[in-house]
């Protein structure tokens, strides 16, 4: 007998007002894990999420997404802007580079907007909205967020199924994806009722900042020196800036600064020097021999070198050596080329 043709799954639309939370054995298992095995870590996640939660909820509301989806960030990263997975997914919503770029996020050597709490949340909202429109149920949409829409669609077709719980009982999706939705539901149950489970997240200030349009590349160290804003605070507010400097190719970059400092920063911008990337010499060909550092005015850092030993060798000050090479710290990497000539 010939095999009956497989039917393309048809999906039903759920209400966007909420997500139907199931409390089954799988979900209970993840609740115990959060409550016992990683209790302190999960409480830290709740505290960190509270810092960003009003912004995330507002963005999700603008995309007509259920507010419960805020807690998906707990499963993804504990809302850690610097989270980085073995698969190279990054940021609070754990975007892969390709998907991030499809949803409008900049990812290059200077900027990684996957780490921007607001821009990445907008991208996540757009992606989740698209997945829901494709699959029609939130469990399937969330499974696709984890595994990719193609894998979930193929699993549904192979199993001739219409629900996440149907394909979770098969071998057509990975274990990680099978556990992903129950894990979200467990996190949601606890996050919505932390007191009932003995959690006491710390009170934290809400994420707030002002923006300054920066017309040239500015390094955080120079801004700290000119205005007095702590380097660490600039890093915290701008986690998307990978090199602690505004991108040289953007003459209208919106830099986030602490509330109450915008006017001071704007007044100081003209006096802050334009940051320039260190000069990098082209790599030598296979059969080329590198001339000596002294004859070319360059020195290649060796294991054990420090700025002090190099400065002493070439009769320059450490400060001059740092300025000449646009170095923000004293840390050197073996193999790095430094300009040493006067």
Protein backbone atom coordinates (compact mmCIF):
# COMPACT_ATOMS: atom_id res chain seq x y z
CA UNK A 1 0.00 0.00 0.00
CA UNK A 2 1.18 3.48 -0.74
CA UNK A 3 1.80 5.80 2.19
CA UNK A 4 -0.94 8.30 2.86
CA UNK A 5 0.14 11.86 2.11
CA UNK A 6 1.12 13.91 5.16
CA UNK A 7 -1.04 16.88 5.90
CA UNK A 8 0.43 20.30 6.67
CA UNK A 9 -0.47 21.07 10.30
CA UNK A 10 -3.21 23.62 10.88
CA UNK A 11 -2.80 25.84 13.91
CA UNK A 12 -5.37 27.44 16.16
CA UNK A 13 -4.97 30.99 17.41
CA UNK A 14 -4.75 31.53 21.16
CA UNK A 15 -5.72 34.62 23.05
CA UNK A 16 -2.92 37.17 23.27
CA UNK A 17 -4.03 38.19 26.77
CA UNK A 18 -2.11 35.44 28.54
CA UNK A 19 -0.32 32.15 28.14
CA UNK A 20 -1.98 28.98 29.38
CA UNK A 21 0.45 27.72 32.02
CA UNK A 22 0.50 23.97 32.48
CA UNK A 23 1.69 22.53 35.80
CA UNK A 24 2.63 18.95 34.98
CA UNK A 25 5.41 16.65 36.16
CA UNK A 26 7.98 18.26 33.84
CA UNK A 27 7.12 21.74 35.04
CA UNK A 28 7.22 20.66 38.69
CA UNK A 29 10.67 19.19 38.13
CA UNK A 30 12.00 22.50 36.85
CA UNK A 31 10.35 24.35 39.73
CA UNK A 32 12.21 22.12 42.19
CA UNK A 33 15.44 22.79 40.30
CA UNK A 34 14.97 26.57 40.52
CA UNK A 35 13.86 26.35 44.15
CA UNK A 36 16.66 24.11 45.41
CA UNK A 37 19.59 23.43 43.07
CA UNK A 38 20.07 27.01 41.85
CA UNK A 39 18.02 28.93 44.39
CA UNK A 40 20.48 31.82 44.93
CA UNK A 41 21.14 32.15 41.22
CA UNK A 42 17.45 32.22 40.35
CA UNK A 43 16.82 34.89 43.00
CA UNK A 44 19.62 36.94 41.43
CA UNK A 45 17.93 36.52 38.04
CA UNK A 46 14.65 37.83 39.49
CA UNK A 47 16.46 40.83 40.95
CA UNK A 48 18.21 41.63 37.68
CA UNK A 49 15.02 41.25 35.66
CA UNK A 50 13.22 43.69 37.98
CA UNK A 51 15.73 46.35 36.90
CA UNK A 52 14.55 46.06 33.27
CA UNK A 53 11.04 44.61 33.62
CA UNK A 54 8.92 47.77 33.12
CA UNK A 55 10.76 48.56 29.87
CA UNK A 56 10.41 44.99 28.60
CA UNK A 57 6.71 44.88 29.47
CA UNK A 58 6.10 48.19 27.68
CA UNK A 59 7.84 46.97 24.52
CA UNK A 60 5.97 43.66 24.55
CA UNK A 61 2.69 45.52 25.05
CA UNK A 62 3.41 47.60 21.94
CA UNK A 63 3.72 44.35 19.97
CA UNK A 64 0.53 42.89 21.52
CA UNK A 65 2.50 40.16 23.27
CA UNK A 66 1.43 38.53 26.56
CA UNK A 67 3.23 40.02 29.55
CA UNK A 68 4.15 36.49 30.70
CA UNK A 69 6.71 36.36 27.87
CA UNK A 70 8.88 38.70 29.94
CA UNK A 71 9.88 35.62 31.93
CA UNK A 72 11.27 33.93 28.83
CA UNK A 73 14.37 36.06 29.46
CA UNK A 74 14.91 34.20 32.74
CA UNK A 75 15.18 30.93 30.83
CA UNK A 76 17.40 32.46 28.17
CA UNK A 77 19.93 34.33 30.27
CA UNK A 78 18.58 35.53 33.61
CA UNK A 79 18.37 38.82 31.66
CA UNK A 80 22.13 39.13 31.53
CA UNK A 81 23.25 41.52 28.73
CA UNK A 82 26.67 39.83 28.70
CA UNK A 83 25.42 36.23 28.54
CA UNK A 84 27.25 34.19 25.91
CA UNK A 85 26.46 30.59 25.01
CA UNK A 86 28.61 27.82 23.58
CA UNK A 87 26.64 28.21 20.35
CA UNK A 88 27.72 31.91 20.28
CA UNK A 89 24.25 33.22 21.11
CA UNK A 90 24.58 36.52 22.96
CA UNK A 91 22.69 38.96 25.16
CA UNK A 92 19.59 38.81 27.35
CA UNK A 93 17.55 37.23 24.53
CA UNK A 94 20.38 34.99 23.29
CA UNK A 95 20.30 35.91 19.62
CA UNK A 96 22.51 34.18 17.10
CA UNK A 97 24.28 36.67 14.84
CA UNK A 98 22.29 35.82 11.71
CA UNK A 99 18.88 36.11 13.37
CA UNK A 100 19.95 39.31 15.12
CA UNK A 101 20.85 40.94 11.83
CA UNK A 102 17.58 39.81 10.22
CA UNK A 103 15.76 41.67 13.01
CA UNK A 104 17.76 44.84 12.62
CA UNK A 105 20.50 44.50 15.23
CA UNK A 106 24.01 45.73 14.47
CA UNK A 107 26.77 43.19 15.14
CA UNK A 108 30.36 44.12 14.25
CA UNK A 109 33.75 44.76 15.83
CA UNK A 110 32.57 47.88 17.67
CA UNK A 111 28.90 47.28 18.41
CA UNK A 112 26.89 44.20 19.36
CA UNK A 113 23.30 45.29 19.82
CA UNK A 114 22.34 41.80 20.97
CA UNK A 115 23.65 43.06 24.32
CA UNK A 116 21.57 46.24 24.28
CA UNK A 117 18.69 45.60 26.74
CA UNK A 118 16.21 47.74 24.80
CA UNK A 119 17.14 47.11 21.17
CA UNK A 120 17.46 43.36 21.74
CA UNK A 121 14.07 43.30 23.46
CA UNK A 122 12.47 45.02 20.47
CA UNK A 123 14.08 42.43 18.19
CA UNK A 124 12.90 39.59 20.46
CA UNK A 125 9.36 41.01 20.44
CA UNK A 126 9.34 41.16 16.64
CA UNK A 127 10.70 37.61 16.38
CA UNK A 128 8.23 36.19 18.90
CA UNK A 129 5.38 38.00 17.16
CA UNK A 130 6.40 36.44 13.84
CA UNK A 131 6.70 32.98 15.38
CA UNK A 132 3.26 33.23 16.95
CA UNK A 133 1.76 34.36 13.66
CA UNK A 134 3.37 31.31 12.04
CA UNK A 135 2.45 28.64 14.61
CA UNK A 136 -0.63 30.05 16.36
CA UNK A 137 0.22 28.81 19.87
CA UNK A 138 2.73 30.14 22.36
CA UNK A 139 4.28 26.76 23.32
CA UNK A 140 5.09 26.12 19.65
CA UNK A 141 6.30 29.71 19.15
CA UNK A 142 8.61 29.39 22.15
CA UNK A 143 9.90 26.02 20.98
CA UNK A 144 10.69 27.61 17.62
CA UNK A 145 12.46 30.48 19.39
CA UNK A 146 14.74 27.87 20.93
CA UNK A 147 15.19 25.44 18.05
CA UNK A 148 14.32 27.45 14.95
CA UNK A 149 11.05 27.49 13.07
CA UNK A 150 12.21 24.97 10.47
CA UNK A 151 12.94 22.25 13.01
CA UNK A 152 9.63 22.70 14.78
CA UNK A 153 7.69 22.71 11.52
CA UNK A 154 9.41 19.51 10.37
CA UNK A 155 8.72 17.86 13.74
CA UNK A 156 5.02 18.70 13.45
CA UNK A 157 4.86 17.33 9.93
CA UNK A 158 6.70 14.10 10.79
CA UNK A 159 4.50 13.48 13.82
CA UNK A 160 1.34 14.70 12.04
CA UNK A 161 0.74 16.73 15.17
CA UNK A 162 -0.52 20.18 16.01
CA UNK A 163 0.75 20.89 19.54
CA UNK A 164 4.05 21.27 21.34
CA UNK A 165 3.15 18.57 23.85
CA UNK A 166 2.57 16.11 20.99
CA UNK A 167 5.99 16.61 19.43
CA UNK A 168 7.63 16.72 22.89
CA UNK A 169 6.62 13.06 23.23
CA UNK A 170 8.55 12.15 20.06
CA UNK A 171 12.19 12.03 19.00
CA UNK A 172 11.69 14.71 16.37
CA UNK A 173 12.97 17.58 18.53
CA UNK A 174 15.99 17.80 20.79
CA UNK A 175 15.78 17.29 24.52
CA UNK A 176 16.79 20.93 25.09
CA UNK A 177 13.70 22.08 23.18
CA UNK A 178 11.46 19.55 24.94
CA UNK A 179 12.57 21.00 28.28
CA UNK A 180 12.49 24.63 27.15
CA UNK A 181 8.74 25.23 27.39
CA UNK A 182 8.27 23.46 30.76
CA UNK A 183 11.27 25.41 32.04
CA UNK A 184 9.63 28.68 30.97
CA UNK A 185 6.38 27.69 32.67
CA UNK A 186 8.20 26.81 35.91
CA UNK A 187 10.06 30.14 35.85
CA UNK A 188 6.80 32.01 35.21
CA UNK A 189 4.95 30.34 38.09
CA UNK A 190 7.71 31.26 40.54
CA UNK A 191 8.38 34.75 39.15
CA UNK A 192 4.72 35.71 39.41
CA UNK A 193 4.50 34.45 43.00
CA UNK A 194 8.03 34.67 44.46
CA UNK A 195 6.87 35.00 48.08
CA UNK A 196 4.95 31.72 47.90
CA UNK A 197 8.19 29.94 47.03
CA UNK A 198 10.36 31.68 49.58
CA UNK A 199 12.11 34.04 47.17
CA UNK A 200 12.86 37.62 48.21
CA UNK A 201 14.38 39.46 45.23
CA UNK A 202 16.30 42.58 46.24
CA UNK A 203 14.81 45.96 45.45
CA UNK A 204 16.67 47.56 42.57
CA UNK A 205 16.54 50.89 40.78
CA UNK A 206 14.78 50.82 37.43
CA UNK A 207 16.86 51.04 34.26
CA UNK A 208 17.09 54.76 33.52
CA UNK A 209 19.44 56.93 31.48
CA UNK A 210 19.78 59.97 29.25
CA UNK A 211 21.14 59.93 25.70
CA UNK A 212 23.81 62.16 24.20
CA UNK A 213 24.44 62.31 20.45
CA UNK A 214 28.20 61.85 20.05
CA UNK A 215 29.69 63.26 16.81
CA UNK A 216 33.05 61.49 16.98
CA UNK A 217 34.55 58.36 18.51
CA UNK A 218 34.90 58.80 22.26
CA UNK A 219 36.56 56.38 24.66
CA UNK A 220 34.98 55.82 28.07
CA UNK A 221 38.29 56.62 29.81
CA UNK A 222 38.44 60.05 28.17
CA UNK A 223 34.81 60.71 29.06
CA UNK A 224 35.45 59.65 32.65
CA UNK A 225 38.43 62.01 32.83
CA UNK A 226 36.51 64.94 31.33
CA UNK A 227 33.17 64.62 33.12
CA UNK A 228 33.75 62.30 36.06
CA UNK A 229 31.24 59.59 35.09
CA UNK A 230 32.71 56.29 36.36
CA UNK A 231 34.07 54.03 33.63
CA UNK A 232 32.10 51.10 35.08
CA UNK A 233 28.85 53.08 34.90
CA UNK A 234 29.40 53.86 31.21
CA UNK A 235 30.06 50.15 30.60
CA UNK A 236 26.88 49.17 32.48
CA UNK A 237 24.70 51.58 30.52
CA UNK A 238 26.26 50.72 27.14
CA UNK A 239 26.92 46.97 27.15
CA UNK A 240 26.57 46.91 23.36
CA UNK A 241 29.87 48.82 22.90
CA UNK A 242 32.43 46.04 22.64
CA UNK A 243 35.58 48.16 22.92
CA UNK A 244 34.43 50.79 25.43
CA UNK A 245 34.36 53.37 22.64
CA UNK A 246 31.64 54.83 20.44
CA UNK A 247 31.93 53.52 16.86
CA UNK A 248 34.28 55.57 14.65
CA UNK A 249 31.94 55.21 11.64
CA UNK A 250 28.93 56.78 13.38
CA UNK A 251 28.83 60.58 13.70
CA UNK A 252 25.44 60.53 15.45
CA UNK A 253 25.87 57.74 17.98
CA UNK A 254 23.38 57.81 20.87
CA UNK A 255 25.48 57.20 23.97
CA UNK A 256 23.64 56.42 27.20
CA UNK A 257 24.76 58.40 30.26
CA UNK A 258 23.46 58.56 33.85
CA UNK A 259 20.37 60.67 34.48
CA UNK A 260 21.39 64.26 35.23
CA UNK A 261 24.69 64.21 33.33
CA UNK A 262 23.56 64.86 29.75
CA UNK A 263 24.23 68.61 29.76
CA UNK A 264 27.72 68.21 31.26
CA UNK A 265 28.64 65.58 28.67
CA UNK A 266 27.37 67.71 25.78
CA UNK A 267 29.40 70.68 27.00
CA UNK A 268 32.56 68.57 27.30
CA UNK A 269 32.37 66.78 23.94
CA UNK A 270 34.37 69.38 22.02
CA UNK A 271 37.26 69.02 24.50
CA UNK A 272 37.31 65.22 24.46
CA UNK A 273 39.84 63.87 21.95
CA UNK A 274 38.66 61.75 19.05
CA UNK A 275 39.59 58.13 19.67
CA UNK A 276 41.50 56.46 16.87
CA UNK A 277 42.02 52.70 16.54
CA UNK A 278 45.58 51.44 17.04
CA UNK A 279 47.49 51.15 13.77
CA UNK A 280 47.76 47.52 12.72
CA UNK A 281 50.43 46.52 10.23
CA UNK A 282 49.43 43.97 7.57
CA UNK A 283 50.41 40.41 8.34
CA UNK A 284 53.62 39.21 6.74
CA UNK A 285 53.46 36.75 3.88
CA UNK A 286 54.69 33.20 4.32
CA UNK A 287 58.20 33.93 3.04
CA UNK A 288 58.57 37.52 4.23
CA UNK A 289 60.95 38.46 7.03
CA UNK A 290 59.90 41.20 9.41
CA UNK A 291 62.45 44.04 9.72
CA UNK A 292 63.62 44.83 13.23
CA UNK A 293 61.32 46.84 15.41
CA UNK A 294 63.83 49.67 15.87
CA UNK A 295 64.39 50.14 12.12
CA UNK A 296 60.66 50.42 11.43
CA UNK A 297 59.61 52.23 14.59
CA UNK A 298 57.53 49.22 15.67
CA UNK A 299 57.95 46.60 18.35
CA UNK A 300 56.20 43.23 18.52
CA UNK A 301 55.18 42.36 22.09
CA UNK A 302 56.72 39.20 23.52
CA UNK A 303 55.68 36.99 26.43
CA UNK A 304 56.73 38.70 29.66
CA UNK A 305 56.81 42.22 28.22
CA UNK A 306 55.16 45.10 30.01
CA UNK A 307 54.59 48.72 29.06
CA UNK A 308 57.29 49.70 31.56
CA UNK A 309 59.97 47.40 30.10
CA UNK A 310 59.16 48.44 26.51
CA UNK A 311 59.10 52.15 27.42
CA UNK A 312 62.48 51.80 29.15
CA UNK A 313 63.97 49.97 26.17
CA UNK A 314 62.96 52.65 23.68
CA UNK A 315 63.51 55.62 26.03
CA UNK A 316 59.93 56.84 26.09
CA UNK A 317 57.48 57.31 28.96
CA UNK A 318 54.74 54.79 29.67
CA UNK A 319 52.16 57.55 29.24
CA UNK A 320 53.59 58.48 25.83
CA UNK A 321 53.61 54.83 24.76
CA UNK A 322 49.97 54.42 25.77
CA UNK A 323 48.91 57.63 24.00
CA UNK A 324 50.83 56.76 20.83
CA UNK A 325 49.06 53.39 20.60
CA UNK A 326 45.63 54.46 21.92
CA UNK A 327 45.90 51.98 24.78
CA UNK A 328 43.18 52.19 27.41
CA UNK A 329 44.94 49.86 29.87
CA UNK A 330 48.38 48.47 30.62
CA UNK A 331 47.44 45.00 29.42
CA UNK A 332 49.44 43.75 26.41
CA UNK A 333 48.97 40.72 24.18
CA UNK A 334 51.97 38.76 22.90
CA UNK A 335 52.29 39.36 19.15
CA UNK A 336 50.74 42.82 19.29
CA UNK A 337 52.59 45.59 17.40
CA UNK A 338 53.33 48.85 19.19
CA UNK A 339 54.53 52.13 17.69
CA UNK A 340 57.72 53.01 19.58
CA UNK A 341 59.58 55.64 17.50
CA UNK A 342 59.55 59.31 18.40
